[in-house]
N, C-alpha and C. Protein backbone atom coordinates (compact mmCIF):
# COMPACT_ATOMS: atom_id res chain seq x y z
N MET A 1 -4.69 7.53 20.01
CA MET A 1 -4.49 6.62 19.33
C MET A 1 -3.05 6.91 18.25
N ALA A 2 -2.16 5.51 18.99
CA ALA A 2 -0.96 5.47 17.99
C ALA A 2 -1.46 4.66 16.70
N ARG A 3 -1.13 5.64 15.45
CA ARG A 3 -1.23 5.01 14.40
C ARG A 3 -0.40 3.10 14.17
N LEU A 4 -0.90 2.44 13.60
CA LEU A 4 -0.56 1.27 13.62
C LEU A 4 0.18 1.14 11.85
N LEU A 5 -0.43 1.39 11.04
CA LEU A 5 0.01 1.24 9.90
C LEU A 5 -0.25 3.08 9.07
N ASP A 6 0.76 3.48 8.18
CA ASP A 6 0.97 5.24 8.02
C ASP A 6 1.11 5.22 6.19
N VAL A 7 0.49 5.13 5.28
CA VAL A 7 0.75 4.92 3.93
C VAL A 7 0.11 6.35 2.98
N ARG A 8 1.45 6.65 3.12
CA ARG A 8 1.40 8.09 1.95
C ARG A 8 1.44 8.23 0.66
N ASN A 9 0.67 8.65 -0.02
CA ASN A 9 0.98 8.46 -2.00
C ASN A 9 1.43 7.31 -2.19
N LEU A 10 1.22 6.14 -1.81
CA LEU A 10 1.98 5.15 -2.71
C LEU A 10 1.56 4.80 -4.04
N THR A 11 2.51 4.75 -5.34
CA THR A 11 2.21 4.23 -6.42
C THR A 11 2.91 3.54 -6.64
N VAL A 12 2.06 2.23 -7.27
CA VAL A 12 3.02 1.15 -8.13
C VAL A 12 3.14 0.67 -9.55
N ARG A 13 4.23 0.76 -10.03
CA ARG A 13 4.01 0.51 -11.56
C ARG A 13 4.91 -0.84 -11.98
N PHE A 14 4.49 -1.17 -13.01
CA PHE A 14 4.97 -2.66 -13.40
C PHE A 14 5.47 -1.79 -14.65
N GLY A 15 6.31 -1.43 -15.26
CA GLY A 15 6.97 -0.96 -16.94
C GLY A 15 5.85 0.59 -16.82
N ASP A 16 5.53 0.70 -17.51
CA ASP A 16 4.39 1.68 -18.01
C ASP A 16 3.28 1.50 -17.24
N THR A 17 2.47 0.16 -17.21
CA THR A 17 1.23 0.04 -16.39
C THR A 17 1.25 0.33 -14.72
N GLU A 18 0.09 1.51 -14.68
CA GLU A 18 0.04 1.71 -13.02
C GLU A 18 -0.82 1.17 -12.79
N ALA A 19 -0.33 0.32 -11.41
CA ALA A 19 -1.33 -0.52 -11.08
C ALA A 19 -1.63 -0.63 -9.75
N VAL A 20 -1.47 0.41 -8.90
CA VAL A 20 -2.22 1.78 -8.19
C VAL A 20 -1.75 2.82 -7.85
N ARG A 21 -2.45 4.16 -7.78
CA ARG A 21 -1.85 5.43 -8.18
C ARG A 21 -2.45 6.15 -6.84
N ASN A 22 -1.56 6.14 -6.11
CA ASN A 22 -1.46 7.88 -4.80
C ASN A 22 -2.55 7.37 -4.23
N ILE A 23 -2.55 5.82 -3.39
CA ILE A 23 -3.21 6.20 -2.08
C ILE A 23 -2.38 6.15 -0.82
N SER A 24 -3.19 6.93 0.22
CA SER A 24 -3.17 7.42 1.40
C SER A 24 -3.95 7.06 2.15
N LEU A 25 -3.76 6.34 3.38
CA LEU A 25 -4.41 5.86 4.28
C LEU A 25 -3.67 5.72 5.39
N HIS A 26 -4.22 5.37 6.89
CA HIS A 26 -3.82 5.34 8.01
C HIS A 26 -4.25 4.46 8.75
N VAL A 27 -4.49 3.09 9.61
CA VAL A 27 -4.74 2.62 10.36
C VAL A 27 -4.30 2.73 11.72
N ASP A 28 -5.16 3.18 12.66
CA ASP A 28 -4.98 2.68 14.21
C ASP A 28 -4.84 1.72 14.61
N GLN A 29 -3.99 1.84 15.70
CA GLN A 29 -4.60 -0.07 16.83
C GLN A 29 -5.84 0.08 17.45
N SER A 30 -6.20 -1.33 16.94
CA SER A 30 -7.53 -1.66 17.37
C SER A 30 -8.47 -1.47 16.38
N GLU A 31 -7.99 -1.31 14.86
CA GLU A 31 -9.03 -0.57 13.85
C GLU A 31 -8.84 -1.58 12.78
N VAL A 32 -9.40 -2.31 12.73
CA VAL A 32 -9.43 -3.14 11.15
C VAL A 32 -9.76 -2.20 9.99
N LEU A 33 -9.13 -3.00 9.33
CA LEU A 33 -9.01 -2.14 7.82
C LEU A 33 -9.70 -3.23 6.80
N GLY A 34 -10.53 -3.35 5.64
CA GLY A 34 -10.78 -4.40 4.52
C GLY A 34 -10.21 -3.30 3.09
N ILE A 35 -9.82 -3.88 2.47
CA ILE A 35 -9.78 -3.50 1.21
C ILE A 35 -10.57 -4.23 0.49
N VAL A 36 -11.64 -3.77 -0.75
CA VAL A 36 -12.99 -4.34 -1.05
C VAL A 36 -12.62 -3.35 -3.07
N GLY A 37 -12.54 -4.46 -3.83
CA GLY A 37 -12.83 -3.65 -5.15
C GLY A 37 -13.08 -5.36 -6.15
N GLU A 38 -13.09 -4.42 -7.44
CA GLU A 38 -13.38 -5.65 -8.76
C GLU A 38 -11.89 -5.76 -9.20
N SER A 39 -12.19 -7.08 -9.72
CA SER A 39 -11.14 -8.19 -10.19
C SER A 39 -10.05 -7.34 -11.01
N GLY A 40 -8.37 -7.16 -10.47
CA GLY A 40 -7.76 -6.46 -11.49
C GLY A 40 -7.72 -4.87 -10.90
N SER A 41 -8.02 -4.53 -9.78
CA SER A 41 -8.13 -3.40 -9.53
C SER A 41 -6.65 -2.82 -8.61
N GLY A 42 -5.90 -3.88 -7.77
CA GLY A 42 -4.92 -3.25 -7.39
C GLY A 42 -4.93 -3.61 -5.93
N LYS A 43 -6.11 -4.79 -5.79
CA LYS A 43 -5.85 -4.84 -4.02
C LYS A 43 -4.99 -5.81 -3.90
N SER A 44 -4.43 -6.70 -4.43
CA SER A 44 -3.60 -7.62 -4.21
C SER A 44 -2.28 -6.64 -3.92
N VAL A 45 -1.51 -6.03 -5.32
CA VAL A 45 -0.51 -5.32 -4.80
C VAL A 45 -0.26 -4.68 -4.12
N THR A 46 -1.49 -3.75 -3.78
CA THR A 46 -1.74 -2.47 -2.45
C THR A 46 -0.98 -3.41 -0.97
N CYS A 47 -1.46 -4.35 -0.98
CA CYS A 47 -1.30 -5.28 0.12
C CYS A 47 0.30 -6.20 0.25
N ARG A 48 0.30 -6.48 -1.06
CA ARG A 48 1.71 -6.65 -1.06
C ARG A 48 2.82 -5.48 -1.02
N ALA A 49 2.71 -4.23 -1.12
CA ALA A 49 3.48 -3.19 -1.08
C ALA A 49 3.49 -2.70 0.47
N PHE A 50 2.42 -3.22 1.72
CA PHE A 50 2.73 -2.70 2.13
C PHE A 50 3.45 -3.81 3.43
N MET A 51 3.62 -5.07 2.38
CA MET A 51 4.13 -5.71 3.51
C MET A 51 5.78 -5.88 2.87
N ARG A 52 6.03 -5.30 1.59
CA ARG A 52 7.52 -5.09 1.09
C ARG A 52 7.51 -6.22 0.40
N LEU A 53 6.85 -7.18 0.09
CA LEU A 53 6.57 -8.32 -1.01
C LEU A 53 6.70 -8.05 -2.57
N LEU A 54 6.41 -7.19 -2.88
CA LEU A 54 6.55 -6.95 -4.26
C LEU A 54 7.60 -7.79 -5.23
N PRO A 55 7.51 -8.07 -6.40
CA PRO A 55 9.03 -8.17 -7.22
C PRO A 55 9.92 -7.03 -7.46
N ALA A 56 11.12 -7.50 -7.80
CA ALA A 56 12.30 -6.19 -8.55
C ALA A 56 11.78 -5.61 -8.99
N SER A 57 10.61 -6.11 -9.87
CA SER A 57 10.19 -5.46 -11.36
C SER A 57 8.89 -4.33 -11.00
N ALA A 58 8.89 -4.27 -10.25
CA ALA A 58 7.84 -3.08 -9.73
C ALA A 58 8.59 -2.24 -9.27
N ALA A 59 7.67 -0.64 -9.61
CA ALA A 59 8.43 0.82 -9.04
C ALA A 59 7.78 1.18 -8.22
N VAL A 60 8.25 1.18 -7.29
CA VAL A 60 7.21 1.98 -5.80
C VAL A 60 7.18 3.12 -5.30
N GLN A 61 7.13 4.03 -5.66
CA GLN A 61 7.18 5.54 -4.78
C GLN A 61 5.80 5.61 -3.59
N GLY A 62 5.99 6.22 -2.50
CA GLY A 62 5.85 6.82 -1.63
C GLY A 62 6.04 6.17 -0.38
N GLU A 63 5.60 5.83 0.86
CA GLU A 63 6.02 5.32 2.22
C GLU A 63 4.96 5.26 2.68
N VAL A 64 5.38 3.60 3.77
CA VAL A 64 4.20 2.89 3.74
C VAL A 64 6.00 2.68 5.45
N THR A 65 4.66 3.19 6.60
CA THR A 65 5.11 3.07 8.03
C THR A 65 4.39 1.66 9.02
N PHE A 66 5.02 0.97 9.27
CA PHE A 66 4.06 0.32 10.05
C PHE A 66 5.08 0.13 11.67
N ASP A 67 4.09 0.63 12.16
CA ASP A 67 4.60 0.68 14.10
C ASP A 67 5.63 1.42 13.86
N GLY A 68 5.75 2.65 13.44
CA GLY A 68 6.46 3.56 13.37
C GLY A 68 7.81 3.60 12.20
N LYS A 69 7.78 3.04 12.47
CA LYS A 69 9.00 1.95 11.29
C LYS A 69 8.93 1.99 9.71
N LEU A 70 10.06 2.88 8.75
CA LEU A 70 9.66 2.65 7.66
C LEU A 70 9.77 1.34 6.97
């Protein structure tokens, strides 16, 4: 089955604050992904990084591929 979303070593920083550290995951076609966690744990930042909707002040490292495209 083809991978729809592939995330490798995603890290997001805002200045000295590390909001997300070294996330890797993949979602195949027809799979569903849920992201849960406490308030302030980085769920929204992670999802925005997947969609490339973070502000310019965010320093993003790692690789996010959607449907085979960077």
